[in-house]
Amino acid sequence: MRSSRKSAAFQKLLAIAGRLKFQPHRIAHLLDEKGRHELKLPGGFPFAISLFQFREGATTQRPTWHERLELLMPLDGPLSERMGGLVVDLLPGDVLVVDHLKPHQVVDTPGLRTRVVVISFLPECVFTPGSPPTDYAFLIPFHRKVEGRPHVLPANSSQAEAVHQAIGQLLSCHFDKHNFHREAGCKAWLLVLLNVLIHEFRDSALDRVELLRRQEQAACLKPVFDHVRENYAGRISLCAAAAMCGMGAAKFGRVFKDAAGMTIGSYLNHVRMSHAVELLEETRESIAEIAFKLGFSDQSHFDRRFRRTFGRTPSQHRAGRMARS
């Protein structure tokens, strides 16, 4: 029977987790009639870590599915995860790449008692429009699966030390509410974690095919990426963007969404908000001036869009930056 080896990195991870609060797993009220679990993630960096306590007789009995990507790791005891018709048995420190589109749930087994770390994020955390096509490799562990063979990185794997270190750092960054740049730290360690998973679950032939496809898409869409980068304060219609790439609007919409993970309108907002953060932090221009420079009709519109993206107003962002400088 496989045993769980507790490395130094895993021991440190347990020490970090010991300072955090784990909640009972009660999410039935968050599921819709089809079992879909919509977790609200921040617009600017759609990433979250959930900390759950699973106990026998106290788990959500309904299976769930969702569109966000997810990693799951038990900390204390064994845990079984049902994904579709498959049951995956995990030991402390094992990391499961959840098959998020299939109905899945923790099996309520006798003696179940463990804390669980669940890492959730959207693809745009690591692969965004205009990124090098090679960045898509970070998502391969979630998309390159063989039916009946779940992606599990065992706690006694040669890669486990690096994974446990990355997850420990993610916990430290994510739950440090006083760190104004914690999102940057989370992204850095998320990429480290995903890079290890790439090596654990790589399939070089499939990787090359997918990367070539992404390179072709990026080359085809380059005129739009260049236009938005240089003219982010202006408007661009779906038809105009499609014409730049020599496509019809319907085909362009599908290709762009596949490559970017978002619509052309969302991408324009993504670029505007990136410039907004830069202007707020690096200049003394008024918020009204910044709103005008970014192409917003008035400051209130800019305020609403910024808050929807980052969870705080431009004024709050600038004040927080100044307080920490």
Protein backbone atom coordinates (compact mmCIF):
# COMPACT_ATOMS: atom_id res chain seq x y z
CA MET A 1 0.00 0.00 0.00
CA ARG A 2 1.34 3.43 -0.93
CA SER A 3 2.43 5.63 1.95
CA SER A 4 2.52 9.40 2.13
CA ARG A 5 6.04 10.77 2.61
CA LYS A 6 6.06 14.04 4.53
CA SER A 7 8.88 16.11 3.08
CA ALA A 8 10.36 19.19 4.72
CA ALA A 9 8.38 21.35 2.30
CA PHE A 10 5.15 19.55 3.21
CA GLN A 11 5.87 19.99 6.93
CA LYS A 12 6.36 23.71 6.35
CA LEU A 13 3.13 23.80 4.33
CA LEU A 14 1.31 22.18 7.28
CA ALA A 15 2.74 24.82 9.61
CA ILE A 16 1.44 27.59 7.35
CA ALA A 17 -1.97 25.91 7.08
CA GLY A 18 -2.09 25.59 10.87
CA ARG A 19 -2.39 29.37 11.13
CA LEU A 20 -5.37 29.50 8.77
CA LYS A 21 -9.07 28.84 9.28
CA PHE A 22 -10.70 25.88 7.52
CA GLN A 23 -14.46 25.92 7.00
CA PRO A 24 -16.88 22.95 6.95
CA HIS A 25 -17.64 21.92 3.39
CA ARG A 26 -21.19 23.23 3.00
CA ILE A 27 -21.77 24.46 -0.55
CA ALA A 28 -25.11 22.85 -1.47
CA HIS A 29 -26.83 26.26 -1.33
CA LEU A 30 -24.33 27.59 -3.90
CA LEU A 31 -25.21 25.00 -6.56
CA ASP A 32 -27.81 25.64 -9.25
CA GLU A 33 -30.36 23.06 -10.35
CA LYS A 34 -27.78 21.46 -12.66
CA GLY A 35 -25.12 21.25 -9.96
CA ARG A 36 -23.01 24.10 -11.33
CA HIS A 37 -21.01 25.91 -8.67
CA GLU A 38 -20.39 29.55 -9.59
CA LEU A 39 -17.52 30.86 -7.47
CA LYS A 40 -17.10 34.60 -7.80
CA LEU A 41 -13.46 35.31 -8.64
CA PRO A 42 -11.83 38.77 -8.80
CA GLY A 43 -11.91 40.24 -12.30
CA GLY A 44 -8.34 41.52 -12.26
CA PHE A 45 -6.80 38.23 -11.13
CA PRO A 46 -9.42 35.43 -11.15
CA PHE A 47 -7.80 33.23 -8.53
CA ALA A 48 -8.90 31.91 -5.14
CA ILE A 49 -7.91 29.38 -2.49
CA SER A 50 -10.65 27.68 -0.47
CA LEU A 51 -9.88 25.92 2.81
CA PHE A 52 -12.31 23.16 3.77
CA GLN A 53 -12.67 20.73 6.66
CA PHE A 54 -14.16 17.39 5.59
CA ARG A 55 -15.65 15.10 8.24
CA GLU A 56 -17.68 11.93 8.07
CA GLY A 57 -21.37 12.84 7.80
CA ALA A 58 -20.62 16.53 7.22
CA THR A 59 -19.89 16.88 3.51
CA THR A 60 -21.95 18.30 0.66
CA GLN A 61 -23.80 15.33 -0.81
CA ARG A 62 -24.54 16.82 -4.23
CA PRO A 63 -21.93 16.50 -7.00
CA THR A 64 -20.86 19.74 -8.62
CA TRP A 65 -19.14 20.96 -11.77
CA HIS A 66 -17.77 24.32 -12.89
CA GLU A 67 -15.84 26.07 -15.64
CA ARG A 68 -12.92 27.28 -13.52
CA LEU A 69 -9.79 25.14 -13.22
CA GLU A 70 -9.12 23.45 -9.90
CA LEU A 71 -6.43 21.65 -7.91
CA LEU A 72 -7.20 19.75 -4.69
CA MET A 73 -4.87 18.53 -1.94
CA PRO A 74 -5.77 16.80 1.38
CA LEU A 75 -3.54 17.71 4.31
CA ASP A 76 -4.22 15.28 7.15
CA GLY A 77 -5.88 12.03 6.12
CA PRO A 78 -6.98 9.99 3.14
CA LEU A 79 -9.73 11.32 0.90
CA SER A 80 -11.63 9.88 -2.06
CA GLU A 81 -12.85 12.12 -4.88
CA ARG A 82 -15.51 10.91 -7.31
CA MET A 83 -15.21 12.43 -10.81
CA GLY A 84 -17.83 11.14 -13.19
CA GLY A 85 -17.75 7.35 -12.88
CA LEU A 86 -14.23 7.29 -11.43
CA VAL A 87 -13.19 7.34 -7.76
CA VAL A 88 -9.70 8.67 -7.02
CA ASP A 89 -8.09 7.78 -3.66
CA LEU A 90 -5.75 10.44 -2.28
CA LEU A 91 -3.29 10.52 0.60
CA PRO A 92 -2.09 13.63 2.49
CA GLY A 93 0.05 15.75 0.19
CA ASP A 94 -1.26 14.24 -3.05
CA VAL A 95 -2.35 16.86 -5.59
CA LEU A 96 -5.32 16.12 -7.86
CA VAL A 97 -6.00 17.97 -11.10
CA VAL A 98 -9.79 18.04 -10.86
CA ASP A 99 -11.77 17.11 -13.97
CA HIS A 100 -13.84 20.23 -13.40
CA LEU A 101 -16.42 19.74 -16.17
CA LYS A 102 -17.46 16.33 -14.84
CA PRO A 103 -19.74 16.07 -11.78
CA HIS A 104 -17.41 15.57 -8.83
CA GLN A 105 -17.56 15.38 -5.05
CA VAL A 106 -15.67 14.10 -2.02
CA VAL A 107 -16.92 10.65 -1.04
CA ASP A 108 -18.31 10.50 2.52
CA THR A 109 -16.27 7.54 3.77
CA PRO A 110 -16.14 6.11 7.32
CA GLY A 111 -13.59 7.97 9.43
CA LEU A 112 -13.26 10.85 6.95
CA ARG A 113 -11.45 13.67 8.71
CA THR A 114 -9.07 15.93 6.82
CA ARG A 115 -8.41 19.52 5.89
CA VAL A 116 -8.30 20.21 2.16
CA VAL A 117 -6.75 23.00 0.12
CA VAL A 118 -8.61 23.83 -3.11
CA ILE A 119 -6.89 26.13 -5.62
CA SER A 120 -9.25 27.66 -8.21
CA PHE A 121 -8.49 29.96 -11.13
CA LEU A 122 -9.52 30.89 -14.65
CA PRO A 123 -7.24 30.24 -17.65
CA GLU A 124 -6.57 33.96 -18.16
CA CYS A 125 -4.46 33.94 -14.98
CA VAL A 126 -1.70 32.30 -17.02
CA PHE A 127 -2.63 32.60 -20.71
CA THR A 128 -4.00 35.90 -21.96
CA PRO A 129 -4.38 37.51 -25.40
CA GLY A 130 -1.03 38.60 -26.76
CA SER A 131 0.89 36.23 -24.47
CA PRO A 132 3.50 33.99 -26.09
CA PRO A 133 1.77 30.82 -27.32
CA THR A 134 4.11 28.79 -25.12
CA ASP A 135 2.21 30.13 -22.10
CA TYR A 136 -0.59 27.77 -23.07
CA ALA A 137 1.62 24.92 -21.81
CA PHE A 138 0.65 25.91 -18.24
CA LEU A 139 -2.91 24.71 -18.99
CA ILE A 140 -1.97 21.37 -20.53
CA PRO A 141 -2.35 19.35 -17.26
CA PHE A 142 -6.04 20.35 -17.26
CA HIS A 143 -6.77 19.58 -20.91
CA ARG A 144 -4.49 16.71 -21.91
CA LYS A 145 -6.09 13.80 -20.05
CA VAL A 146 -6.67 10.15 -20.86
CA GLU A 147 -10.08 8.77 -19.86
CA GLY A 148 -9.80 6.68 -16.70
CA ARG A 149 -6.34 8.02 -15.82
CA PRO A 150 -6.71 11.03 -13.50
CA HIS A 151 -3.83 13.43 -13.07
CA VAL A 152 -2.56 12.89 -9.53
CA LEU A 153 0.85 14.01 -8.34
CA PRO A 154 1.61 11.67 -5.40
CA ALA A 155 3.11 13.02 -2.21
CA ASN A 156 6.07 10.65 -2.66
CA SER A 157 6.78 11.83 -6.24
CA SER A 158 10.16 13.32 -7.05
CA GLN A 159 8.26 16.50 -8.01
CA ALA A 160 6.32 16.72 -4.72
CA GLU A 161 8.89 18.82 -2.84
CA ALA A 162 8.62 21.63 -5.40
CA VAL A 163 4.81 21.38 -5.49
CA HIS A 164 4.49 21.56 -1.71
CA GLN A 165 6.84 24.54 -1.55
CA ALA A 166 4.80 26.37 -4.21
CA ILE A 167 1.48 25.66 -2.48
CA GLY A 168 2.90 26.79 0.85
CA GLN A 169 4.01 30.06 -0.71
CA LEU A 170 0.60 30.43 -2.38
CA LEU A 171 -1.11 30.10 0.99
CA SER A 172 1.21 32.70 2.52
CA CYS A 173 0.65 35.18 -0.33
CA HIS A 174 -3.07 34.69 -0.76
CA PHE A 175 -4.01 35.07 2.89
CA ASP A 176 -1.68 38.00 3.61
CA LYS A 177 -4.31 40.74 3.40
CA HIS A 178 -1.72 43.42 4.21
CA ASN A 179 0.39 42.64 1.15
CA PHE A 180 -0.78 45.11 -1.48
CA HIS A 181 0.90 43.10 -4.24
CA ARG A 182 -0.20 39.67 -3.08
CA GLU A 183 -1.81 38.97 -6.49
CA ALA A 184 1.63 39.27 -8.11
CA GLY A 185 3.08 36.83 -5.58
CA CYS A 186 0.19 34.42 -6.13
CA LYS A 187 0.68 34.51 -9.88
CA ALA A 188 4.40 33.86 -9.58
CA TRP A 189 3.94 30.81 -7.35
CA LEU A 190 0.96 29.56 -9.36
CA LEU A 191 3.21 29.48 -12.43
CA VAL A 192 5.87 27.59 -10.46
CA LEU A 193 3.24 25.06 -9.38
CA LEU A 194 1.85 24.62 -12.90
CA ASN A 195 5.35 24.29 -14.35
CA VAL A 196 5.99 21.30 -12.07
CA LEU A 197 2.67 19.75 -13.12
CA ILE A 198 3.64 20.18 -16.79
CA HIS A 199 6.69 17.98 -16.21
CA GLU A 200 4.69 15.44 -14.23
CA PHE A 201 1.95 15.07 -16.86
CA ARG A 202 3.67 16.08 -20.08
CA ASP A 203 2.92 14.47 -23.41
CA SER A 204 5.40 16.08 -25.79
CA ALA A 205 3.65 15.05 -29.02
CA LEU A 206 0.33 16.53 -27.95
CA ASP A 207 2.08 19.59 -26.54
CA ARG A 208 3.75 20.35 -29.87
CA VAL A 209 0.51 20.01 -31.81
CA GLU A 210 -1.35 22.31 -29.42
CA LEU A 211 1.42 24.89 -29.31
CA LEU A 212 1.59 25.00 -33.11
CA ARG A 213 -2.16 25.58 -33.23
CA ARG A 214 -1.84 28.39 -30.70
CA GLN A 215 1.01 29.94 -32.66
CA GLU A 216 -1.11 29.96 -35.80
CA GLN A 217 -4.00 31.59 -33.92
CA ALA A 218 -1.70 34.23 -32.41
CA ALA A 219 -0.24 35.09 -35.82
CA CYS A 220 -3.73 35.37 -37.32
CA LEU A 221 -4.99 37.63 -34.52
CA LYS A 222 -1.85 39.75 -34.28
CA PRO A 223 -3.35 42.73 -36.21
CA VAL A 224 -6.09 43.03 -33.57
CA PHE A 225 -3.70 42.65 -30.64
CA ASP A 226 -1.45 45.35 -32.14
CA HIS A 227 -4.39 47.67 -32.82
CA VAL A 228 -5.78 47.40 -29.28
CA ARG A 229 -2.34 47.87 -27.74
CA GLU A 230 -1.87 51.13 -29.66
CA ASN A 231 -5.50 52.37 -29.60
CA TYR A 232 -6.88 51.10 -26.29
CA ALA A 233 -8.70 54.38 -25.62
CA GLY A 234 -10.87 53.91 -28.70
CA ARG A 235 -13.71 51.57 -29.52
CA ILE A 236 -13.53 48.54 -31.77
CA SER A 237 -16.51 46.61 -33.07
CA LEU A 238 -16.59 42.88 -33.66
CA CYS A 239 -16.96 43.45 -37.41
CA ALA A 240 -14.01 45.88 -37.52
CA ALA A 241 -11.80 43.46 -35.59
CA ALA A 242 -12.82 40.58 -37.83
CA ALA A 243 -12.00 42.63 -40.95
CA MET A 244 -8.47 43.27 -39.64
CA CYS A 245 -7.92 39.50 -39.63
CA GLY A 246 -9.71 38.79 -42.90
CA MET A 247 -12.51 36.82 -41.21
CA GLY A 248 -16.24 37.00 -40.91
CA ALA A 249 -17.56 38.25 -37.58
CA ALA A 250 -18.92 34.87 -36.43
CA LYS A 251 -15.69 32.99 -37.18
CA PHE A 252 -13.55 35.73 -35.64
CA GLY A 253 -15.63 35.65 -32.45
CA ARG A 254 -15.07 31.90 -32.11
CA VAL A 255 -11.35 32.03 -32.91
CA PHE A 256 -10.69 34.99 -30.61
CA LYS A 257 -12.61 33.44 -27.70
CA ASP A 258 -10.73 30.15 -28.16
CA ALA A 259 -7.35 31.87 -28.26
CA ALA A 260 -7.98 34.55 -25.64
CA GLY A 261 -10.52 32.98 -23.34
CA MET A 262 -12.57 36.18 -23.56
CA THR A 263 -14.41 38.37 -26.04
CA ILE A 264 -12.81 41.28 -27.90
CA GLY A 265 -14.71 43.68 -25.62
CA SER A 266 -13.37 41.97 -22.49
CA TYR A 267 -9.86 42.05 -23.94
CA LEU A 268 -10.11 45.80 -24.59
CA ASN A 269 -11.18 46.28 -20.97
CA HIS A 270 -8.30 44.04 -19.84
CA VAL A 271 -5.78 46.26 -21.65
CA ARG A 272 -7.42 49.46 -20.37
CA MET A 273 -7.34 48.26 -16.77
CA SER A 274 -3.67 47.30 -17.07
CA HIS A 275 -2.89 50.85 -18.19
CA ALA A 276 -5.16 52.22 -15.45
CA VAL A 277 -3.08 50.55 -12.74
CA GLU A 278 0.13 51.86 -14.31
CA LEU A 279 -1.19 55.44 -14.49
CA LEU A 280 -2.56 55.36 -10.94
CA GLU A 281 0.74 54.10 -9.53
CA GLU A 282 3.27 55.91 -11.70
CA THR A 283 1.70 59.35 -12.34
CA ARG A 284 0.05 62.14 -10.38
CA GLU A 285 -2.67 62.67 -12.94
CA SER A 286 -6.15 63.04 -11.48
CA ILE A 287 -8.53 60.12 -11.72
CA ALA A 288 -10.72 62.15 -14.05
CA GLU A 289 -7.74 62.75 -16.34
CA ILE A 290 -6.87 59.06 -16.31
CA ALA A 291 -10.47 58.11 -17.11
CA PHE A 292 -10.42 60.45 -20.13
CA LYS A 293 -7.04 59.14 -21.30
CA LEU A 294 -8.37 55.57 -21.17
CA GLY A 295 -11.39 56.44 -23.28
CA PHE A 296 -14.11 56.51 -20.62
CA SER A 297 -16.88 59.06 -21.07
CA ASP A 298 -16.79 60.10 -17.41
CA GLN A 299 -15.05 59.27 -14.14
CA SER A 300 -18.02 57.41 -12.64
CA HIS A 301 -17.98 54.93 -15.54
CA PHE A 302 -14.25 54.38 -14.99
CA ASP A 303 -14.79 53.96 -11.24
CA ARG A 304 -17.45 51.29 -11.79
CA ARG A 305 -15.39 49.35 -14.31
CA PHE A 306 -12.22 49.49 -12.17
CA ARG A 307 -14.10 48.33 -9.08
CA ARG A 308 -15.74 45.50 -11.00
CA THR A 309 -12.29 44.36 -12.15
CA PHE A 310 -10.19 44.79 -9.00
CA GLY A 311 -12.71 44.93 -6.15
CA ARG A 312 -11.68 48.45 -5.14
CA THR A 313 -12.05 51.97 -6.55
CA PRO A 314 -9.22 53.83 -8.32
CA SER A 315 -8.99 56.16 -5.30
CA GLN A 316 -8.63 53.21 -2.92
CA HIS A 317 -5.99 51.64 -5.15
CA ARG A 318 -3.93 54.83 -5.28
CA ALA A 319 -4.29 55.44 -1.53
CA GLY A 320 -3.17 51.90 -0.75
CA ARG A 321 -0.19 52.26 -3.04
CA MET A 322 0.86 55.54 -1.42
CA ALA A 323 0.48 54.12 2.09
CA ARG A 324 2.94 51.33 1.25
CA SER A 325 5.50 53.38 -0.67
